[in-house]
Structure formats: C-alpha cells, structure tokens
C-alpha cells in the first residue's frame, strides 16, 4: 500500500491550522493544541517545513510560526517533498543508480510515469483546498464491482 508517513500527514494538519489564520503568528505549543498533536511532534515538523520555505519562524516574546506564502500556493507535493524528499513510487523512479538491474529493467520507465502522475495529482491540491469541505464523490469515478456468480 502506498502511504505518506504519519509525520507528513501531521504536517498537513499543522499547515491547515496556520492557513486558517494566515496573518497570525502561532506558538508551537498553540499549534500542538489546535492540531491535537503532542508539542514535540509539532516542533519536529516545523523544522523541515521551515527549511523548505513553507513556514517562517519568528523568535522572541511574540515569536512563533506562520505560513511563508499563501496557502493556495503551497501544494501537497511541496509538503511531501519537504517531509520525505523527492516524490517517487520506487527508488529508481527518483534517482539513478539505486538498483543493480535498472539498466535491464522493463518496468522502470512505467514506474517513472506513475510517479509523475502521483506528483502531478499532489501538485493539484493546495493547503487552501484542504480547508474546504471535500467535494461529493463523482458517481462516474466509483469503481463497479462485478459479482463472480
């Protein structure tokens, strides 16, 4: 099963808390309370998010964190890359030289295509989108199940 890590999932939660009040600076402990996460976890998330330019931190008595840019300009691809590195379904779809059979592999190019589709889907969803209620399911996209008998 393809999954993002729990920390990446939590990073999206923290970013939506920040996006709900974009001009306000939030302390790490306040973010933890609002996101219903442990304070050490939130502190751990904020570092890579700041390094990636998604949040900015302020020191001092009124210090804290806020989004570094508009929530509509931060995509889920940005978040995944900040927390996990380049998006790829397999190691060889991200970087050459990770597999001993990559030069003779018949599926490598297809994994790269799939990785590109996943990355493009993640680029199509912003942190601002996460604040909105999800759209109703499209009945055309629900897979049909055929009975075996």
Protein backbone atom coordinates (compact mmCIF):
# COMPACT_ATOMS: atom_id res chain seq x y z
CA UNK A 1 0.00 0.00 0.00
CA UNK A 2 1.24 3.45 -0.88
CA UNK A 3 1.24 5.77 2.12
CA UNK A 4 2.74 9.01 3.26
CA UNK A 5 4.31 8.89 6.69
CA UNK A 6 2.41 9.88 9.80
CA UNK A 7 4.66 12.95 10.14
CA UNK A 8 3.73 14.10 6.63
CA UNK A 9 0.07 13.64 7.46
CA UNK A 10 0.54 15.64 10.66
CA UNK A 11 2.41 18.33 8.71
CA UNK A 12 -0.69 18.89 6.57
CA UNK A 13 -2.78 19.24 9.74
CA UNK A 14 -0.39 21.84 11.18
CA UNK A 15 -0.32 23.74 7.89
CA UNK A 16 -4.12 23.90 7.80
CA UNK A 17 -4.13 25.32 11.33
CA UNK A 18 -1.73 28.02 10.14
CA UNK A 19 -3.74 28.57 6.96
CA UNK A 20 -6.95 29.13 8.91
CA UNK A 21 -5.44 32.35 10.32
CA UNK A 22 -2.67 33.23 7.86
CA UNK A 23 -1.67 36.61 9.25
CA UNK A 24 -1.37 35.39 12.83
CA UNK A 25 1.84 34.05 14.37
CA UNK A 26 1.23 30.85 16.36
CA UNK A 27 3.49 29.38 19.00
CA UNK A 28 4.49 25.74 18.61
CA UNK A 29 2.52 24.81 21.74
CA UNK A 30 -0.58 26.58 20.41
CA UNK A 31 -0.22 24.75 17.10
CA UNK A 32 0.04 21.48 19.01
CA UNK A 33 -3.14 22.26 20.96
CA UNK A 34 -5.11 23.29 17.89
CA UNK A 35 -3.88 20.32 15.84
CA UNK A 36 -4.43 17.89 18.74
CA UNK A 37 -0.82 16.74 18.50
CA UNK A 38 2.00 16.43 21.00
CA UNK A 39 4.23 19.52 21.25
CA UNK A 40 7.48 17.60 20.49
CA UNK A 41 5.88 16.23 17.33
CA UNK A 42 4.89 19.70 16.15
CA UNK A 43 8.38 21.02 16.90
CA UNK A 44 9.80 18.14 14.86
CA UNK A 45 7.51 19.03 11.93
CA UNK A 46 8.23 22.75 11.92
CA UNK A 47 11.94 22.39 11.20
CA UNK A 48 11.68 20.70 7.77
CA UNK A 49 8.66 22.83 6.88
CA UNK A 50 10.71 25.97 7.61
CA UNK A 51 13.74 24.62 5.74
CA UNK A 52 11.53 24.05 2.71
CA UNK A 53 10.21 27.62 2.89
CA UNK A 54 6.64 26.60 3.74
CA UNK A 55 6.57 28.21 7.18
CA UNK A 56 8.57 31.03 8.68
CA UNK A 57 9.59 31.24 12.29
CA UNK A 58 9.95 34.32 14.48
CA UNK A 59 11.97 34.50 17.67
CA UNK A 60 11.24 36.47 20.79
CA UNK A 61 8.41 37.01 23.21
CA UNK A 62 5.85 37.24 20.40
CA UNK A 63 7.60 34.60 18.31
CA UNK A 64 6.09 31.63 16.62
CA UNK A 65 5.23 30.41 13.15
CA UNK A 66 3.09 31.36 10.20
CA UNK A 67 2.86 30.30 6.58
CA UNK A 68 5.71 31.62 4.46
CA UNK A 69 3.38 32.09 1.48
CA UNK A 70 -0.29 31.94 0.66
CA UNK A 71 -1.95 28.59 1.43
CA UNK A 72 -3.16 28.40 -2.18
CA UNK A 73 0.49 28.43 -3.28
CA UNK A 74 1.55 25.51 -1.06
CA UNK A 75 0.75 22.17 -2.65
CA UNK A 76 0.66 18.72 -1.16
CA UNK A 77 3.66 17.95 -3.37
CA UNK A 78 5.54 20.72 -1.54
CA UNK A 79 4.62 19.17 1.80
CA UNK A 80 5.54 15.62 0.81
CA UNK A 81 8.87 16.77 -0.63
CA UNK A 82 9.62 18.83 2.50
CA UNK A 83 8.94 15.91 4.80
CA UNK A 84 10.01 12.90 2.73
CA UNK A 85 12.16 14.06 -0.16
CA UNK A 86 11.53 13.63 -3.87
CA UNK A 87 8.24 12.00 -4.84
CA UNK A 88 8.70 8.55 -6.32
CA UNK A 89 6.94 5.24 -6.23
CA UNK A 90 10.24 3.35 -6.34
CA UNK A 91 13.84 4.33 -5.59
CA UNK A 92 14.82 4.06 -9.25
CA UNK A 93 11.98 6.37 -10.29
CA UNK A 94 13.61 9.12 -8.24
CA UNK A 95 17.32 8.59 -8.68
CA UNK A 96 19.59 6.59 -10.98
CA UNK A 97 21.98 4.06 -9.53
CA UNK A 98 19.70 2.70 -6.80
CA UNK A 99 19.17 -0.74 -8.31
CA UNK A 100 21.51 -3.32 -9.78
CA UNK A 101 19.11 -4.23 -12.59
CA UNK A 102 17.89 -0.76 -13.55
CA UNK A 103 19.61 -0.81 -16.97
CA UNK A 104 17.88 -4.06 -17.90
CA UNK A 105 14.57 -3.39 -16.19
CA UNK A 106 11.46 -3.42 -18.35
CA UNK A 107 9.22 -1.66 -15.84
CA UNK A 108 11.40 1.23 -14.65
CA UNK A 109 10.06 3.69 -17.23
CA UNK A 110 6.50 2.80 -16.28
CA UNK A 111 7.21 3.39 -12.57
CA UNK A 112 8.57 6.80 -13.53
CA UNK A 113 5.36 7.57 -15.43
CA UNK A 114 3.29 6.51 -12.41
CA UNK A 115 5.46 8.64 -10.11
CA UNK A 116 4.88 11.61 -12.41
CA UNK A 117 1.10 11.09 -12.27
CA UNK A 118 1.15 10.90 -8.46
CA UNK A 119 3.34 14.03 -8.22
CA UNK A 120 1.02 15.91 -10.58
CA UNK A 121 -2.03 14.90 -8.52
CA UNK A 122 -0.30 16.17 -5.36
CA UNK A 123 0.56 19.43 -7.15
CA UNK A 124 -3.15 19.83 -7.91
CA UNK A 125 -4.17 20.11 -4.25
CA UNK A 126 -3.17 23.08 -2.11
CA UNK A 127 -3.24 23.63 1.64
CA UNK A 128 -6.08 26.09 0.99
CA UNK A 129 -8.01 23.27 -0.69
CA UNK A 130 -7.67 21.20 2.49
CA UNK A 131 -9.60 23.86 4.42
CA UNK A 132 -12.65 23.38 2.20
CA UNK A 133 -15.11 20.53 2.62
CA UNK A 134 -14.35 17.71 0.20
CA UNK A 135 -16.42 17.65 -2.98
CA UNK A 136 -19.11 14.97 -3.21
CA UNK A 137 -17.90 11.78 -4.86
CA UNK A 138 -18.29 11.60 -8.60
CA UNK A 139 -20.55 8.58 -9.27
CA UNK A 140 -18.71 8.02 -12.56
CA UNK A 141 -15.41 7.53 -10.75
CA UNK A 142 -16.68 4.92 -8.27
CA UNK A 143 -15.44 1.53 -9.44
CA UNK A 144 -18.06 -1.03 -10.32
CA UNK A 145 -17.86 -4.39 -8.63
CA UNK A 146 -18.98 -7.35 -10.64
CA UNK A 147 -20.20 -10.45 -8.92
CA UNK A 148 -18.34 -13.67 -9.62
CA UNK A 149 -21.50 -15.73 -9.93
